[in-house]
């Protein structure tokens, strides 16, 4: 094993501010234990930048495939924690409540869910990333005192980037006319998410409209799908993705607030624990390469 490094850096967590709200007091820096290791046979090259609080992993197989792993809050660069796949000059990320958020998002509540540890290990054609922090009691006071975590294992398979996901996490596709075909309890249902006529607005087509009014300006489309086993995501911005999974309850959330930059919507895997007690979700995500 070579290139193994463990450091601690300060992580500043800020709440996602809604337009018009006064900024919350900044939290003191929180130490994050970061471990980066690379085996001599690794097909991935790791570039660790402690000052920027991120790691860039490049796949050295002649393709333009990379992953940007961000592990601090948006205070320094307006970028939320998580993993951004990068294909050439195309980054799978977008505006989310005025910040930039990645496709793969491990932080269930940035105001309450701390990131304590990050492990990144490259060996052969496989890259393993694990975020860990807080406990299940963040989601349910009666939950176990076990660390919340998200583990993602990446490898290239033919013309796809394959990702095995485990734990609790979010996926944040774009609203660029994205069509979802979900298989839930054996039934296939379709939803199409499109941006509205002004920044921060959106439309959900092909299904029931379940709208929650948060304030005069903000609303959310919320739907819950039980016993989800498959999802096909046709995203005009990020490309085509397929997800094989078993999640007792999946929440689809589309946020609206005129005047606030929101380009992404939420596939939330934490409600399966909150509502059904499922603590870990194993999924296989595959993303078409350009």
C-alpha atoms as a PDB file:
ATOM      1  CA  UNK A   1       0.000   0.000   0.000  1.00  0.00           C
ATOM      2  CA  UNK A   2       1.416   3.381  -0.962  1.00  0.00           C
ATOM      3  CA  UNK A   3       0.317   6.977  -0.708  1.00  0.00           C
ATOM      4  CA  UNK A   4      -1.743   6.495   2.425  1.00  0.00           C
ATOM      5  CA  UNK A   5      -2.329   9.774   4.236  1.00  0.00           C
ATOM      6  CA  UNK A   6      -4.572  10.694   7.145  1.00  0.00           C
ATOM      7  CA  UNK A   7      -5.205  14.305   8.071  1.00  0.00           C
ATOM      8  CA  UNK A   8      -7.707  16.361   9.987  1.00  0.00           C
ATOM      9  CA  UNK A   9      -9.145  19.546   8.539  1.00  0.00           C
ATOM     10  CA  UNK A  10     -11.728  22.074   9.676  1.00  0.00           C
ATOM     11  CA  UNK A  11     -15.226  21.634   8.252  1.00  0.00           C
ATOM     12  CA  UNK A  12     -17.616  24.570   8.409  1.00  0.00           C
ATOM     13  CA  UNK A  13     -21.271  23.597   8.183  1.00  0.00           C
ATOM     14  CA  UNK A  14     -23.788  26.245   7.227  1.00  0.00           C
ATOM     15  CA  UNK A  15     -27.555  25.853   6.830  1.00  0.00           C
ATOM     16  CA  UNK A  16     -29.032  26.142   3.385  1.00  0.00           C
ATOM     17  CA  UNK A  17     -30.370  29.693   3.507  1.00  0.00           C
ATOM     18  CA  UNK A  18     -33.698  30.583   1.967  1.00  0.00           C
ATOM     19  CA  UNK A  19     -34.027  33.941   0.266  1.00  0.00           C
ATOM     20  CA  UNK A  20     -34.710  36.724   2.734  1.00  0.00           C
ATOM     21  CA  UNK A  21     -33.546  34.850   5.812  1.00  0.00           C
ATOM     22  CA  UNK A  22     -30.875  36.285   8.065  1.00  0.00           C
ATOM     23  CA  UNK A  23     -27.635  34.260   8.017  1.00  0.00           C
ATOM     24  CA  UNK A  24     -27.180  31.865  10.905  1.00  0.00           C
ATOM     25  CA  UNK A  25     -24.122  32.182  13.116  1.00  0.00           C
ATOM     26  CA  UNK A  26     -21.171  30.365  11.582  1.00  0.00           C
ATOM     27  CA  UNK A  27     -20.280  27.131  13.296  1.00  0.00           C
ATOM     28  CA  UNK A  28     -16.707  26.699  14.525  1.00  0.00           C
ATOM     29  CA  UNK A  29     -14.513  24.504  12.316  1.00  0.00           C
ATOM     30  CA  UNK A  30     -15.113  20.815  12.916  1.00  0.00           C
ATOM     31  CA  UNK A  31     -12.240  18.363  12.541  1.00  0.00           C
ATOM     32  CA  UNK A  32     -12.686  15.847   9.724  1.00  0.00           C
ATOM     33  CA  UNK A  33     -10.440  12.822   9.540  1.00  0.00           C
ATOM     34  CA  UNK A  34      -9.447  12.267   5.908  1.00  0.00           C
ATOM     35  CA  UNK A  35      -7.691   9.070   4.806  1.00  0.00           C
ATOM     36  CA  UNK A  36      -6.449   8.812   1.218  1.00  0.00           C
ATOM     37  CA  UNK A  37      -4.705   5.678  -0.049  1.00  0.00           C
ATOM     38  CA  UNK A  38      -3.714   4.348  -3.458  1.00  0.00           C
ATOM     39  CA  UNK A  39      -2.443   0.883  -4.350  1.00  0.00           C
ATOM     40  CA  UNK A  40       0.423   0.649  -6.867  1.00  0.00           C
ATOM     41  CA  UNK A  41      -1.837  -1.143  -9.370  1.00  0.00           C
ATOM     42  CA  UNK A  42      -4.559   1.513  -9.201  1.00  0.00           C
ATOM     43  CA  UNK A  43      -6.169   2.674 -12.440  1.00  0.00           C
ATOM     44  CA  UNK A  44      -7.182   5.844 -10.592  1.00  0.00           C
ATOM     45  CA  UNK A  45      -4.873   8.790  -9.889  1.00  0.00           C
ATOM     46  CA  UNK A  46      -5.709  10.713  -6.708  1.00  0.00           C
ATOM     47  CA  UNK A  47      -4.974  14.417  -6.346  1.00  0.00           C
ATOM     48  CA  UNK A  48      -5.616  15.439  -2.736  1.00  0.00           C
ATOM     49  CA  UNK A  49      -5.874  19.181  -2.025  1.00  0.00           C
ATOM     50  CA  UNK A  50      -6.273  19.747   1.749  1.00  0.00           C
ATOM     51  CA  UNK A  51      -6.488  23.521   1.290  1.00  0.00           C
ATOM     52  CA  UNK A  52      -9.477  23.207  -1.035  1.00  0.00           C
ATOM     53  CA  UNK A  53     -10.965  20.326   1.018  1.00  0.00           C
ATOM     54  CA  UNK A  54     -11.418  18.089  -1.987  1.00  0.00           C
ATOM     55  CA  UNK A  55      -9.937  15.103  -3.792  1.00  0.00           C
ATOM     56  CA  UNK A  56      -9.870  14.686  -7.559  1.00  0.00           C
ATOM     57  CA  UNK A  57      -9.767  11.079  -8.791  1.00  0.00           C
ATOM     58  CA  UNK A  58      -8.937  10.551 -12.478  1.00  0.00           C
ATOM     59  CA  UNK A  59      -9.403   7.251 -14.298  1.00  0.00           C
ATOM     60  CA  UNK A  60      -6.239   6.490 -16.286  1.00  0.00           C
ATOM     61  CA  UNK A  61      -7.668   4.303 -19.038  1.00  0.00           C
ATOM     62  CA  UNK A  62      -7.791   6.720 -21.959  1.00  0.00           C
ATOM     63  CA  UNK A  63     -11.246   8.078 -21.101  1.00  0.00           C
ATOM     64  CA  UNK A  64     -12.002  11.501 -19.673  1.00  0.00           C
ATOM     65  CA  UNK A  65     -13.614  10.191 -16.501  1.00  0.00           C
ATOM     66  CA  UNK A  66     -12.980  11.867 -13.144  1.00  0.00           C
ATOM     67  CA  UNK A  67     -14.651  12.265  -9.752  1.00  0.00           C
ATOM     68  CA  UNK A  68     -14.460  15.348  -7.552  1.00  0.00           C
ATOM     69  CA  UNK A  69     -14.955  14.509  -3.878  1.00  0.00           C
ATOM     70  CA  UNK A  70     -15.822  17.562  -1.775  1.00  0.00           C
ATOM     71  CA  UNK A  71     -15.939  17.169   1.999  1.00  0.00           C
ATOM     72  CA  UNK A  72     -16.508  20.658   3.401  1.00  0.00           C
ATOM     73  CA  UNK A  73     -19.494  22.977   3.502  1.00  0.00           C
ATOM     74  CA  UNK A  74     -20.245  25.807   1.055  1.00  0.00           C
ATOM     75  CA  UNK A  75     -18.595  28.585   3.092  1.00  0.00           C
ATOM     76  CA  UNK A  76     -15.369  28.683   1.079  1.00  0.00           C
ATOM     77  CA  UNK A  77     -16.490  27.809  -2.459  1.00  0.00           C
ATOM     78  CA  UNK A  78     -20.333  27.674  -2.489  1.00  0.00           C
ATOM     79  CA  UNK A  79     -20.066  23.928  -3.202  1.00  0.00           C
ATOM     80  CA  UNK A  80     -21.896  21.330  -1.125  1.00  0.00           C
ATOM     81  CA  UNK A  81     -20.330  18.117   0.133  1.00  0.00           C
ATOM     82  CA  UNK A  82     -20.509  15.006  -2.051  1.00  0.00           C
ATOM     83  CA  UNK A  83     -19.256  13.405  -5.269  1.00  0.00           C
ATOM     84  CA  UNK A  84     -19.413  15.039  -8.711  1.00  0.00           C
ATOM     85  CA  UNK A  85     -18.805  12.720 -11.704  1.00  0.00           C
ATOM     86  CA  UNK A  86     -16.953  14.564 -14.480  1.00  0.00           C
ATOM     87  CA  UNK A  87     -16.928  13.393 -18.110  1.00  0.00           C
ATOM     88  CA  UNK A  88     -14.578  15.627 -20.099  1.00  0.00           C
ATOM     89  CA  UNK A  89     -15.933  19.134 -19.567  1.00  0.00           C
ATOM     90  CA  UNK A  90     -19.361  17.923 -18.360  1.00  0.00           C
ATOM     91  CA  UNK A  91     -19.855  18.064 -14.600  1.00  0.00           C
ATOM     92  CA  UNK A  92     -22.827  16.254 -13.037  1.00  0.00           C
ATOM     93  CA  UNK A  93     -23.747  19.021 -10.603  1.00  0.00           C
ATOM     94  CA  UNK A  94     -25.965  22.101 -10.557  1.00  0.00           C
ATOM     95  CA  UNK A  95     -27.449  24.988  -8.631  1.00  0.00           C
ATOM     96  CA  UNK A  96     -29.341  23.961  -5.503  1.00  0.00           C
ATOM     97  CA  UNK A  97     -30.739  26.625  -3.142  1.00  0.00           C
ATOM     98  CA  UNK A  98     -28.171  29.057  -4.527  1.00  0.00           C
ATOM     99  CA  UNK A  99     -25.196  26.729  -3.954  1.00  0.00           C
ATOM    100  CA  UNK A 100     -23.701  24.097  -6.254  1.00  0.00           C
ATOM    101  CA  UNK A 101     -24.581  20.502  -5.363  1.00  0.00           C
ATOM    102  CA  UNK A 102     -23.222  17.199  -6.767  1.00  0.00           C
ATOM    103  CA  UNK A 103     -25.206  14.302  -8.188  1.00  0.00           C
ATOM    104  CA  UNK A 104     -24.245  12.020  -5.262  1.00  0.00           C
ATOM    105  CA  UNK A 105     -24.956  13.709  -1.944  1.00  0.00           C
ATOM    106  CA  UNK A 106     -24.293  12.032   1.443  1.00  0.00           C
ATOM    107  CA  UNK A 107     -25.275  14.809   3.834  1.00  0.00           C
ATOM    108  CA  UNK A 108     -28.841  14.262   4.968  1.00  0.00           C
ATOM    109  CA  UNK A 109     -29.161  17.611   6.756  1.00  0.00           C
ATOM    110  CA  UNK A 110     -26.225  20.028   6.449  1.00  0.00           C
ATOM    111  CA  UNK A 111     -27.375  21.921   9.539  1.00  0.00           C
ATOM    112  CA  UNK A 112     -27.356  18.831  11.785  1.00  0.00           C
ATOM    113  CA  UNK A 113     -25.465  16.039  10.044  1.00  0.00           C
ATOM    114  CA  UNK A 114     -21.693  16.472  10.491  1.00  0.00           C
ATOM    115  CA  UNK A 115     -19.085  14.739   8.376  1.00  0.00           C
ATOM    116  CA  UNK A 116     -16.535  13.242  10.781  1.00  0.00           C
ATOM    117  CA  UNK A 117     -14.564  10.921   8.512  1.00  0.00           C
ATOM    118  CA  UNK A 118     -13.818  10.509   4.839  1.00  0.00           C
ATOM    119  CA  UNK A 119     -11.977   7.496   3.403  1.00  0.00           C
ATOM    120  CA  UNK A 120     -10.857   7.280  -0.228  1.00  0.00           C
ATOM    121  CA  UNK A 121      -9.052   4.175  -1.466  1.00  0.00           C
ATOM    122  CA  UNK A 122      -8.042   3.293  -5.033  1.00  0.00           C
ATOM    123  CA  UNK A 123      -7.005  -0.237  -6.020  1.00  0.00           C
ATOM    124  CA  UNK A 124      -7.066  -1.795  -9.468  1.00  0.00           C
ATOM    125  CA  UNK A 125     -10.020  -0.418 -11.388  1.00  0.00           C
ATOM    126  CA  UNK A 126     -12.002   0.311  -8.211  1.00  0.00           C
ATOM    127  CA  UNK A 127     -12.350   3.549  -6.265  1.00  0.00           C
ATOM    128  CA  UNK A 128     -13.985   3.357  -2.830  1.00  0.00           C
ATOM    129  CA  UNK A 129     -15.332   6.477  -1.083  1.00  0.00           C
ATOM    130  CA  UNK A 130     -16.911   6.463   2.374  1.00  0.00           C
ATOM    131  CA  UNK A 131     -18.430   9.444   4.198  1.00  0.00           C
ATOM    132  CA  UNK A 132     -19.283   8.927   7.859  1.00  0.00           C
ATOM    133  CA  UNK A 133     -20.567  11.118  10.672  1.00  0.00           C
ATOM    134  CA  UNK A 134     -23.258  11.669  13.258  1.00  0.00           C
ATOM    135  CA  UNK A 135     -25.633   8.880  14.227  1.00  0.00           C
ATOM    136  CA  UNK A 136     -29.067   7.639  13.222  1.00  0.00           C
ATOM    137  CA  UNK A 137     -30.491   9.699  16.086  1.00  0.00           C
ATOM    138  CA  UNK A 138     -30.194  12.752  13.845  1.00  0.00           C
ATOM    139  CA  UNK A 139     -33.049  11.228  11.842  1.00  0.00           C
ATOM    140  CA  UNK A 140     -34.939   9.598  14.720  1.00  0.00           C
ATOM    141  CA  UNK A 141     -34.290  10.207  18.440  1.00  0.00           C
ATOM    142  CA  UNK A 142     -35.052   6.515  19.032  1.00  0.00           C
ATOM    143  CA  UNK A 143     -32.549   5.416  16.392  1.00  0.00           C
ATOM    144  CA  UNK A 144     -29.322   3.558  17.168  1.00  0.00           C
ATOM    145  CA  UNK A 145     -26.083   5.266  18.169  1.00  0.00           C
ATOM    146  CA  UNK A 146     -24.411   3.992  15.007  1.00  0.00           C
ATOM    147  CA  UNK A 147     -22.645   6.304  12.559  1.00  0.00           C
ATOM    148  CA  UNK A 148     -24.595   7.506   9.572  1.00  0.00           C
ATOM    149  CA  UNK A 149     -22.655   6.710   6.424  1.00  0.00           C
ATOM    150  CA  UNK A 150     -22.663   6.558   2.660  1.00  0.00           C
ATOM    151  CA  UNK A 151     -20.271   4.282   0.794  1.00  0.00           C
ATOM    152  CA  UNK A 152     -19.790   4.523  -2.975  1.00  0.00           C
ATOM    153  CA  UNK A 153     -17.655   2.134  -5.043  1.00  0.00           C
ATOM    154  CA  UNK A 154     -16.850   3.243  -8.608  1.00  0.00           C
ATOM    155  CA  UNK A 155     -15.603   1.275 -11.592  1.00  0.00           C
ATOM    156  CA  UNK A 156     -15.884   1.635 -15.333  1.00  0.00           C
ATOM    157  CA  UNK A 157     -17.795  -1.087 -17.154  1.00  0.00           C
ATOM    158  CA  UNK A 158     -17.741  -0.743 -20.942  1.00  0.00           C
ATOM    159  CA  UNK A 159     -19.439   2.570 -21.766  1.00  0.00           C
ATOM    160  CA  UNK A 160     -20.836   3.139 -18.295  1.00  0.00           C
ATOM    161  CA  UNK A 161     -19.632   4.342 -14.942  1.00  0.00           C
ATOM    162  CA  UNK A 162     -20.937   1.821 -12.395  1.00  0.00           C
ATOM    163  CA  UNK A 163     -21.489   2.903  -8.797  1.00  0.00           C
ATOM    164  CA  UNK A 164     -22.408   0.582  -5.926  1.00  0.00           C
ATOM    165  CA  UNK A 165     -24.040   2.645  -3.169  1.00  0.00           C
ATOM    166  CA  UNK A 166     -24.634   1.561   0.421  1.00  0.00           C
ATOM    167  CA  UNK A 167     -26.033   3.352   3.460  1.00  0.00           C
ATOM    168  CA  UNK A 168     -28.303   6.420   3.302  1.00  0.00           C
ATOM    169  CA  UNK A 169     -27.855   9.135   0.697  1.00  0.00           C
ATOM    170  CA  UNK A 170     -29.464  11.430  -1.854  1.00  0.00           C
ATOM    171  CA  UNK A 171     -29.226  11.510  -5.640  1.00  0.00           C
ATOM    172  CA  UNK A 172     -29.746  14.934  -7.209  1.00  0.00           C
ATOM    173  CA  UNK A 173     -30.568  14.724 -10.950  1.00  0.00           C
ATOM    174  CA  UNK A 174     -31.215  17.849 -12.996  1.00  0.00           C
ATOM    175  CA  UNK A 175     -34.594  19.327 -13.875  1.00  0.00           C
ATOM    176  CA  UNK A 176     -33.666  19.463 -17.582  1.00  0.00           C
ATOM    177  CA  UNK A 177     -36.786  17.667 -18.751  1.00  0.00           C
ATOM    178  CA  UNK A 178     -35.754  14.597 -16.752  1.00  0.00           C
ATOM    179  CA  UNK A 179     -38.018  11.572 -17.075  1.00  0.00           C
ATOM    180  CA  UNK A 180     -38.231   9.032 -14.239  1.00  0.00           C
ATOM    181  CA  UNK A 181     -39.608   5.553 -14.841  1.00  0.00           C
ATOM    182  CA  UNK A 182     -39.940   3.999 -11.376  1.00  0.00           C
ATOM    183  CA  UNK A 183     -40.828   0.400 -10.595  1.00  0.00           C
ATOM    184  CA  UNK A 184     -42.550   0.430  -7.191  1.00  0.00           C
ATOM    185  CA  UNK A 185     -44.303  -2.632  -5.775  1.00  0.00           C
ATOM    186  CA  UNK A 186     -44.181  -4.127  -9.273  1.00  0.00           C
ATOM    187  CA  UNK A 187     -45.883  -1.151 -10.950  1.00  0.00           C
ATOM    188  CA  UNK A 188     -44.091   1.195 -13.370  1.00  0.00           C
ATOM    189  CA  UNK A 189     -44.864   4.890 -12.891  1.00  0.00           C
ATOM    190  CA  UNK A 190     -43.533   7.900 -14.778  1.00  0.00           C
ATOM    191  CA  UNK A 191     -42.727  11.433 -13.681  1.00  0.00           C
ATOM    192  CA  UNK A 192     -41.163  14.206 -15.762  1.00  0.00           C
ATOM    193  CA  UNK A 193     -39.487  17.155 -14.061  1.00  0.00           C
ATOM    194  CA  UNK A 194     -38.984  20.380 -15.996  1.00  0.00           C
ATOM    195  CA  UNK A 195     -37.822  23.882 -15.065  1.00  0.00           C
ATOM    196  CA  UNK A 196     -40.562  26.507 -14.936  1.00  0.00           C
ATOM    197  CA  UNK A 197     -40.712  29.847 -16.645  1.00  0.00           C
ATOM    198  CA  UNK A 198     -38.487  31.647 -14.131  1.00  0.00           C
ATOM    199  CA  UNK A 199     -35.504  30.790 -11.971  1.00  0.00           C
ATOM    200  CA  UNK A 200     -36.384  28.606  -9.009  1.00  0.00           C
ATOM    201  CA  UNK A 201     -39.670  27.270 -10.423  1.00  0.00           C
ATOM    202  CA  UNK A 202     -40.377  23.824 -11.827  1.00  0.00           C
ATOM    203  CA  UNK A 203     -43.116  21.550 -13.127  1.00  0.00           C
ATOM    204  CA  UNK A 204     -43.834  17.885 -12.419  1.00  0.00           C
ATOM    205  CA  UNK A 205     -45.742  16.131 -15.198  1.00  0.00           C
ATOM    206  CA  UNK A 206     -47.235  12.682 -15.825  1.00  0.00           C
ATOM    207  CA  UNK A 207     -48.438  12.163 -12.287  1.00  0.00           C
ATOM    208  CA  UNK A 208     -50.333  13.397  -9.274  1.00  0.00           C
ATOM    209  CA  UNK A 209     -49.413  16.822  -7.959  1.00  0.00           C
ATOM    210  CA  UNK A 210     -48.591  16.568  -4.273  1.00  0.00           C
ATOM    211  CA  UNK A 211     -47.723  20.137  -3.312  1.00  0.00           C
ATOM    212  CA  UNK A 212     -46.692  21.298   0.149  1.00  0.00           C
ATOM    213  CA  UNK A 213     -46.759  25.070   0.696  1.00  0.00           C
ATOM    214  CA  UNK A 214     -43.862  26.111   2.932  1.00  0.00           C
ATOM    215  CA  UNK A 215     -44.391  29.870   2.695  1.00  0.00           C
ATOM    216  CA  UNK A 216     -46.046  32.326   0.331  1.00  0.00           C
ATOM    217  CA  UNK A 217     -43.046  31.983  -2.009  1.00  0.00           C
ATOM    218  CA  UNK A 218     -41.779  28.436  -1.446  1.00  0.00           C
ATOM    219  CA  UNK A 219     -43.509  25.170  -2.274  1.00  0.00           C
ATOM    220  CA  UNK A 220     -42.443  21.550  -2.684  1.00  0.00           C
ATOM    221  CA  UNK A 221     -43.717  18.669  -4.748  1.00  0.00           C
ATOM    222  CA  UNK A 222     -43.455  15.592  -2.500  1.00  0.00           C
ATOM    223  CA  UNK A 223     -44.265  12.022  -3.459  1.00  0.00           C
ATOM    224  CA  UNK A 224     -43.482   8.713  -1.782  1.00  0.00           C
ATOM    225  CA  UNK A 225     -42.992   5.425  -3.603  1.00  0.00           C
ATOM    226  CA  UNK A 226     -42.870   2.163  -1.636  1.00  0.00           C
ATOM    227  CA  UNK A 227     -40.835  -0.957  -2.396  1.00  0.00           C
ATOM    228  CA  UNK A 228     -38.862   0.603  -5.246  1.00  0.00           C
ATOM    229  CA  UNK A 229     -36.669  -1.866  -7.124  1.00  0.00           C
ATOM    230  CA  UNK A 230     -35.700  -0.022 -10.296  1.00  0.00           C
ATOM    231  CA  UNK A 231     -35.454   3.465 -11.731  1.00  0.00           C
ATOM    232  CA  UNK A 232     -34.590   4.654 -15.219  1.00  0.00           C
ATOM    233  CA  UNK A 233     -33.491   8.297 -15.275  1.00  0.00           C
ATOM    234  CA  UNK A 234     -33.385  10.026 -18.657  1.00  0.00           C
ATOM    235  CA  UNK A 235     -31.702  13.328 -17.811  1.00  0.00           C
ATOM    236  CA  UNK A 236     -31.185  15.669 -20.773  1.00  0.00           C
ATOM    237  CA  UNK A 237     -28.318  17.391 -18.943  1.00  0.00           C
ATOM    238  CA  UNK A 238     -26.572  14.583 -17.040  1.00  0.00           C
ATOM    239  CA  UNK A 239     -27.318  11.759 -19.461  1.00  0.00           C
ATOM    240  CA  UNK A 240     -29.055   8.431 -19.022  1.00  0.00           C
ATOM    241  CA  UNK A 241     -28.811   6.572 -15.709  1.00  0.00           C
ATOM    242  CA  UNK A 242     -30.248   3.331 -14.364  1.00  0.00           C
ATOM    243  CA  UNK A 243     -30.671   2.409 -10.714  1.00  0.00           C
ATOM    244  CA  UNK A 244     -31.270  -1.088  -9.367  1.00  0.00           C
ATOM    245  CA  UNK A 245     -32.135  -1.017  -5.685  1.00  0.00           C
ATOM    246  CA  UNK A 246     -34.437  -2.122  -2.930  1.00  0.00           C
ATOM    247  CA  UNK A 247     -35.755   0.775  -0.893  1.00  0.00           C
ATOM    248  CA  UNK A 248     -38.842   0.431   1.287  1.00  0.00           C
ATOM    249  CA  UNK A 249     -39.765   4.096   0.773  1.00  0.00           C
ATOM    250  CA  UNK A 250     -38.317   6.606  -1.685  1.00  0.00           C
ATOM    251  CA  UNK A 251     -39.142  10.301  -1.486  1.00  0.00           C
ATOM    252  CA  UNK A 252     -39.129  12.411  -4.645  1.00  0.00           C
ATOM    253  CA  UNK A 253     -38.904  16.101  -3.782  1.00  0.00           C
ATOM    254  CA  UNK A 254     -38.955  19.020  -6.219  1.00  0.00           C
ATOM    255  CA  UNK A 255     -38.371  22.385  -4.566  1.00  0.00           C
ATOM    256  CA  UNK A 256     -39.696  25.693  -5.877  1.00  0.00           C
ATOM    257  CA  UNK A 257     -38.789  29.198  -4.799  1.00  0.00           C
ATOM    258  CA  UNK A 258     -38.894  31.932  -7.437  1.00  0.00           C
ATOM    259  CA  UNK A 259     -35.680  33.925  -7.661  1.00  0.00           C
ATOM    260  CA  UNK A 260     -33.513  31.237  -6.017  1.00  0.00           C
ATOM    261  CA  UNK A 261     -31.236  29.128  -8.227  1.00  0.00           C
ATOM    262  CA  UNK A 262     -32.524  25.510  -8.100  1.00  0.00           C
ATOM    263  CA  UNK A 263     -31.572  23.292 -11.048  1.00  0.00           C
ATOM    264  CA  UNK A 264     -31.730  19.893  -9.322  1.00  0.00           C
ATOM    265  CA  UNK A 265     -34.378  17.769  -7.620  1.00  0.00           C
ATOM    266  CA  UNK A 266     -34.079  15.173  -4.866  1.00  0.00           C
ATOM    267  CA  UNK A 267     -34.294  11.403  -4.749  1.00  0.00           C
ATOM    268  CA  UNK A 268     -34.194  10.922  -0.962  1.00  0.00           C
ATOM    269  CA  UNK A 269     -33.225   7.574   0.527  1.00  0.00           C
ATOM    270  CA  UNK A 270     -33.318   8.711   4.182  1.00  0.00           C
ATOM    271  CA  UNK A 271     -37.114   8.502   4.521  1.00  0.00           C
ATOM    272  CA  UNK A 272     -36.927   4.734   4.274  1.00  0.00           C
ATOM    273  CA  UNK A 273     -35.292   4.818   7.718  1.00  0.00           C
ATOM    274  CA  UNK A 274     -37.441   7.631   9.113  1.00  0.00           C
ATOM    275  CA  UNK A 275     -40.692   6.009   7.997  1.00  0.00           C
ATOM    276  CA  UNK A 276     -39.943   2.296   7.646  1.00  0.00           C
ATOM    277  CA  UNK A 277     -36.858   1.589   9.784  1.00  0.00           C
ATOM    278  CA  UNK A 278     -34.647   0.509   6.857  1.00  0.00           C
ATOM    279  CA  UNK A 279     -31.170   1.595   7.958  1.00  0.00           C
ATOM    280  CA  UNK A 280     -29.141   0.796   4.845  1.00  0.00           C
ATOM    281  CA  UNK A 281     -30.012   0.849   1.173  1.00  0.00           C
ATOM    282  CA  UNK A 282     -27.922  -1.064  -1.334  1.00  0.00           C
ATOM    283  CA  UNK A 283     -28.183   0.300  -4.884  1.00  0.00           C
ATOM    284  CA  UNK A 284     -26.359  -0.074  -8.168  1.00  0.00           C
ATOM    285  CA  UNK A 285     -26.263   3.102 -10.241  1.00  0.00           C
ATOM    286  CA  UNK A 286     -24.969   3.060 -13.807  1.00  0.00           C
ATOM    287  CA  UNK A 287     -24.344   6.260 -15.772  1.00  0.00           C
ATOM    288  CA  UNK A 288     -23.894   6.275 -19.536  1.00  0.00           C
ATOM    289  CA  UNK A 289     -20.564   7.733 -20.641  1.00  0.00           C
ATOM    290  CA  UNK A 290     -20.582  10.243 -23.517  1.00  0.00           C
END
